[in-house]
Amino acid sequence: MKVSVDGTRCQGHTLCAMIAPDSFELSDIDGTSSPVNEVVPPDQEEVVREAAHSCPEQAITIEE
């Protein structure tokens, strides 16, 4: 599974990093999110899906 964050949509709500802290990191400049790794480790897939569904801006895309 691969994950990406659309930087133009992300508004820095930080929900993804709270739900999946090992998979998302926040910018020190504006608080926007980016994936730690494009390829999600199998043990993180469930929380990354939850983070994507929780994103108010729908900025997280998952590719199976």
C-alpha atoms as a PDB file:
ATOM      1  CA  MET A   1       0.000   0.000   0.000  1.00  0.00           C
ATOM      2  CA  LYS A   2       1.220   3.516  -0.827  1.00  0.00           C
ATOM      3  CA  VAL A   3       0.124   6.797   0.744  1.00  0.00           C
ATOM      4  CA  SER A   4       0.440  10.414  -0.360  1.00  0.00           C
ATOM      5  CA  VAL A   5      -0.724  13.775   0.919  1.00  0.00           C
ATOM      6  CA  ASP A   6      -1.935  16.527  -1.418  1.00  0.00           C
ATOM      7  CA  GLY A   7      -0.068  19.564  -0.116  1.00  0.00           C
ATOM      8  CA  THR A   8      -2.509  21.930  -1.779  1.00  0.00           C
ATOM      9  CA  ARG A   9      -5.442  20.419   0.146  1.00  0.00           C
ATOM     10  CA  CYS A  10      -3.798  19.785   3.526  1.00  0.00           C
ATOM     11  CA  GLN A  11      -4.666  22.549   5.991  1.00  0.00           C
ATOM     12  CA  GLY A  12      -2.600  21.259   8.921  1.00  0.00           C
ATOM     13  CA  HIS A  13      -5.404  19.875  11.082  1.00  0.00           C
ATOM     14  CA  THR A  14      -2.845  17.289  12.368  1.00  0.00           C
ATOM     15  CA  LEU A  15      -5.407  14.485  12.736  1.00  0.00           C
ATOM     16  CA  CYS A  16      -3.362  12.110  10.581  1.00  0.00           C
ATOM     17  CA  ALA A  17      -0.264  12.562  12.726  1.00  0.00           C
ATOM     18  CA  MET A  18      -2.293  12.042  15.886  1.00  0.00           C
ATOM     19  CA  ILE A  19      -3.891   8.850  14.517  1.00  0.00           C
ATOM     20  CA  ALA A  20      -0.795   7.442  12.773  1.00  0.00           C
ATOM     21  CA  PRO A  21       2.256   9.200  14.254  1.00  0.00           C
ATOM     22  CA  ASP A  22       4.701   6.681  12.764  1.00  0.00           C
ATOM     23  CA  SER A  23       3.373   7.273   9.247  1.00  0.00           C
ATOM     24  CA  PHE A  24       2.873  11.058   9.020  1.00  0.00           C
ATOM     25  CA  GLU A  25       5.137  13.966   9.882  1.00  0.00           C
ATOM     26  CA  LEU A  26       4.206  17.623  10.196  1.00  0.00           C
ATOM     27  CA  SER A  27       6.026  20.593   8.729  1.00  0.00           C
ATOM     28  CA  ASP A  28       7.650  22.889  11.280  1.00  0.00           C
ATOM     29  CA  ILE A  29       6.824  25.800   8.976  1.00  0.00           C
ATOM     30  CA  ASP A  30       3.083  25.491   8.358  1.00  0.00           C
ATOM     31  CA  GLY A  31       1.970  22.276  10.083  1.00  0.00           C
ATOM     32  CA  THR A  32       1.032  20.508   6.888  1.00  0.00           C
ATOM     33  CA  SER A  33       1.485  16.766   6.709  1.00  0.00           C
ATOM     34  CA  SER A  34       3.572  14.452   4.587  1.00  0.00           C
ATOM     35  CA  PRO A  35       4.065  10.698   4.733  1.00  0.00           C
ATOM     36  CA  VAL A  36       7.156   9.431   6.524  1.00  0.00           C
ATOM     37  CA  ASN A  37       7.447   6.783   3.786  1.00  0.00           C
ATOM     38  CA  GLU A  38       5.466   6.446   0.579  1.00  0.00           C
ATOM     39  CA  VAL A  39       5.195   2.691   1.118  1.00  0.00           C
ATOM     40  CA  VAL A  40       3.247   1.919   4.272  1.00  0.00           C
ATOM     41  CA  PRO A  41       4.558  -0.946   6.424  1.00  0.00           C
ATOM     42  CA  PRO A  42       1.942  -3.709   6.796  1.00  0.00           C
ATOM     43  CA  ASP A  43       1.601  -3.101  10.537  1.00  0.00           C
ATOM     44  CA  GLN A  44       0.657   0.547   9.869  1.00  0.00           C
ATOM     45  CA  GLU A  45      -1.921   0.031   7.099  1.00  0.00           C
ATOM     46  CA  GLU A  46      -4.976   0.042   9.373  1.00  0.00           C
ATOM     47  CA  VAL A  47      -4.086   3.303  11.147  1.00  0.00           C
ATOM     48  CA  VAL A  48      -3.126   4.977   7.855  1.00  0.00           C
ATOM     49  CA  ARG A  49      -6.553   4.076   6.443  1.00  0.00           C
ATOM     50  CA  GLU A  50      -8.163   5.518   9.575  1.00  0.00           C
ATOM     51  CA  ALA A  51      -6.097   8.696   9.196  1.00  0.00           C
ATOM     52  CA  ALA A  52      -7.149   9.045   5.554  1.00  0.00           C
ATOM     53  CA  HIS A  53     -10.824   8.646   6.437  1.00  0.00           C
ATOM     54  CA  SER A  54     -10.454  11.179   9.271  1.00  0.00           C
ATOM     55  CA  CYS A  55      -8.847  13.916   7.162  1.00  0.00           C
ATOM     56  CA  PRO A  56     -11.326  16.829   6.978  1.00  0.00           C
ATOM     57  CA  GLU A  57      -9.790  18.030   3.709  1.00  0.00           C
ATOM     58  CA  GLN A  58      -9.602  14.549   2.125  1.00  0.00           C
ATOM     59  CA  ALA A  59      -5.948  15.294   1.349  1.00  0.00           C
ATOM     60  CA  ILE A  60      -4.670  11.746   1.925  1.00  0.00           C
ATOM     61  CA  THR A  61      -4.699   9.284  -0.955  1.00  0.00           C
ATOM     62  CA  ILE A  62      -4.159   5.563  -0.543  1.00  0.00           C
ATOM     63  CA  GLU A  63      -3.111   3.319  -3.408  1.00  0.00           C
ATOM     64  CA  GLU A  64      -3.480  -0.403  -2.801  1.00  0.00           C
END
